[in-house]
Amino acid sequence: MANRVRWFHVINWKNITGILFILLMFLGAAIFFKLPQITRNYELSRLNGETKGYLTSVEPNTMMKQGHEGNKLVIESYDVSYKYIVNDQAFSGKEKIKNTGKNEYYLKQVVKSELKISVIIKYDTQNPKISLLKLEP
């Protein structure tokens, strides 16, 4: 019975803590990069009113990136301003929309339209000043 190998003799606890540390680091990075999207979806779910509005301005936010071919300007996000009417009162809002793959179709439509399209705006029925653009096509 003294020569029997048990599971706790085979596993080195220092290796397990290292593996857990690496897994927690990856999990933390994933949450960090997804957090803005998660909070925006939560805020959209809390807004219960919906109306049509129109865009007043779309301004690109550019940043300089360096690569092997040299410097180039990249559009990081767009500042989108819009107006909408609720209960015969006019409201306006401004939102920064990141240039991501998920928003790519919506941003192409907005930039191509030259402020001629109507957009769907979700707002709080208690306080219509609080609003967000609905980005689904």
Protein backbone atom coordinates (compact mmCIF):
# COMPACT_ATOMS: atom_id res chain seq x y z
CA MET A 1 0.00 0.00 0.00
CA ALA A 2 2.98 2.32 0.48
CA ASN A 3 3.90 2.16 -3.23
CA ARG A 4 0.45 3.18 -4.44
CA VAL A 5 0.32 6.42 -6.45
CA ARG A 6 -2.56 8.69 -5.61
CA TRP A 7 -3.91 11.59 -7.73
CA PHE A 8 -2.63 14.28 -5.35
CA HIS A 9 0.92 12.95 -5.78
CA VAL A 10 0.73 13.26 -9.58
CA ILE A 11 -0.58 16.83 -9.80
CA ASN A 12 1.80 19.66 -9.04
CA TRP A 13 -0.22 22.48 -7.42
CA LYS A 14 2.15 25.15 -8.72
CA ASN A 15 1.24 24.16 -12.30
CA ILE A 16 -2.47 24.33 -11.55
CA THR A 17 -2.22 27.81 -10.06
CA GLY A 18 -0.25 28.96 -13.11
CA ILE A 19 -2.86 27.55 -15.48
CA LEU A 20 -5.69 29.12 -13.46
CA PHE A 21 -3.88 32.47 -13.49
CA ILE A 22 -3.52 32.38 -17.29
CA LEU A 23 -7.18 31.38 -17.74
CA LEU A 24 -8.32 34.20 -15.48
CA MET A 25 -6.15 36.67 -17.43
CA PHE A 26 -7.78 35.61 -20.71
CA LEU A 27 -11.23 35.81 -19.15
CA GLY A 28 -10.47 39.30 -17.79
CA ALA A 29 -9.25 40.49 -21.20
CA ALA A 30 -12.36 39.12 -22.90
CA ILE A 31 -14.63 40.90 -20.42
CA PHE A 32 -12.60 44.12 -20.75
CA PHE A 33 -13.01 44.24 -24.54
CA LYS A 34 -16.67 43.18 -24.51
CA LEU A 35 -17.74 45.45 -21.64
CA PRO A 36 -18.73 48.49 -23.77
CA GLN A 37 -20.94 46.30 -25.95
CA ILE A 38 -22.48 44.59 -22.92
CA THR A 39 -23.27 47.90 -21.17
CA ARG A 40 -24.72 49.42 -24.37
CA ASN A 41 -27.01 46.41 -24.88
CA TYR A 42 -28.11 46.68 -21.24
CA GLU A 43 -28.87 50.39 -21.62
CA LEU A 44 -30.82 49.69 -24.83
CA SER A 45 -32.90 47.06 -23.06
CA ARG A 46 -33.87 49.58 -20.36
CA LEU A 47 -35.13 52.15 -22.90
CA ASN A 48 -38.77 51.34 -23.63
CA GLY A 49 -39.81 54.06 -26.11
CA GLU A 50 -39.02 54.00 -29.80
CA THR A 51 -39.37 56.67 -32.47
CA LYS A 52 -37.96 57.73 -35.80
CA GLY A 53 -35.48 60.55 -36.01
CA TYR A 54 -32.99 61.99 -38.45
CA LEU A 55 -29.26 62.51 -38.49
CA THR A 56 -27.83 65.99 -38.18
CA SER A 57 -24.12 65.20 -38.51
CA VAL A 58 -21.73 62.29 -38.96
CA GLU A 59 -18.08 63.08 -38.20
CA PRO A 60 -15.26 60.51 -38.47
CA ASN A 61 -12.69 60.21 -35.70
CA THR A 62 -9.35 59.28 -37.23
CA MET A 63 -6.15 58.05 -35.67
CA MET A 64 -2.65 57.52 -37.05
CA LYS A 65 -1.42 53.94 -37.23
CA GLN A 66 2.12 52.90 -38.02
CA GLY A 67 2.85 49.80 -40.04
CA HIS A 68 5.51 48.28 -42.25
CA GLU A 69 4.35 50.40 -45.19
CA GLY A 70 4.44 53.61 -43.15
CA ASN A 71 1.86 55.78 -41.43
CA LYS A 72 -1.79 55.68 -42.40
CA LEU A 73 -4.99 57.30 -41.15
CA VAL A 74 -7.63 54.90 -39.87
CA ILE A 75 -11.23 55.80 -38.99
CA GLU A 76 -11.62 54.58 -35.42
CA SER A 77 -15.20 55.71 -34.80
CA TYR A 78 -17.89 58.17 -35.86
CA ASP A 79 -19.57 60.91 -33.82
CA VAL A 80 -23.21 60.74 -34.86
CA SER A 81 -25.63 63.53 -33.90
CA TYR A 82 -29.37 63.10 -34.31
CA LYS A 83 -32.71 64.76 -33.56
CA TYR A 84 -36.08 63.24 -32.73
CA ILE A 85 -39.54 64.33 -31.60
CA VAL A 86 -41.45 62.90 -28.62
CA ASN A 87 -44.82 64.32 -27.51
CA ASP A 88 -44.38 67.37 -29.78
CA GLN A 89 -41.04 68.22 -28.16
CA ALA A 90 -37.77 68.15 -30.08
CA PHE A 91 -34.76 66.40 -28.55
CA SER A 92 -31.23 65.83 -29.76
CA GLY A 93 -28.54 63.33 -28.96
CA LYS A 94 -24.96 62.48 -29.80
CA GLU A 95 -23.34 59.09 -29.81
CA LYS A 96 -19.92 57.66 -30.63
CA ILE A 97 -20.19 54.55 -32.78
CA LYS A 98 -17.05 52.42 -33.04
CA ASN A 99 -15.99 51.22 -36.46
CA THR A 100 -16.28 47.48 -35.82
CA GLY A 101 -17.35 44.54 -37.95
CA LYS A 102 -20.70 44.39 -36.18
CA ASN A 103 -21.46 48.06 -36.94
CA GLU A 104 -19.97 48.02 -40.44
CA TYR A 105 -23.24 47.61 -42.39
CA TYR A 106 -24.99 50.32 -40.37
CA LEU A 107 -22.09 52.77 -40.70
CA LYS A 108 -21.88 52.24 -44.47
CA GLN A 109 -25.56 53.12 -44.79
CA VAL A 110 -25.19 56.20 -42.58
CA VAL A 111 -22.07 57.55 -44.27
CA LYS A 112 -23.39 56.83 -47.78
CA SER A 113 -26.77 58.47 -47.08
CA GLU A 114 -25.33 61.95 -46.45
CA LEU A 115 -27.84 62.59 -43.63
CA LYS A 116 -30.89 61.72 -45.76
CA ILE A 117 -32.04 58.58 -43.95
CA SER A 118 -34.27 58.25 -40.95
CA VAL A 119 -32.96 56.32 -37.96
CA ILE A 120 -34.65 54.42 -35.15
CA ILE A 121 -34.05 55.94 -31.74
CA LYS A 122 -34.84 54.28 -28.44
CA TYR A 123 -35.60 56.63 -25.54
CA ASP A 124 -36.73 56.54 -21.94
CA THR A 125 -40.44 57.29 -21.66
CA GLN A 126 -39.94 58.86 -18.20
CA ASN A 127 -37.13 61.15 -19.43
CA PRO A 128 -37.07 61.45 -23.26
CA LYS A 129 -33.71 63.25 -23.15
CA ILE A 130 -32.06 59.86 -22.52
CA SER A 131 -31.73 58.11 -25.87
CA LEU A 132 -29.60 55.77 -27.97
CA LEU A 133 -29.49 54.88 -31.65
CA LYS A 134 -30.74 51.43 -32.56
CA LEU A 135 -27.95 50.06 -34.73
CA GLU A 136 -29.67 47.06 -36.29
CA PRO A 137 -30.32 47.38 -40.02
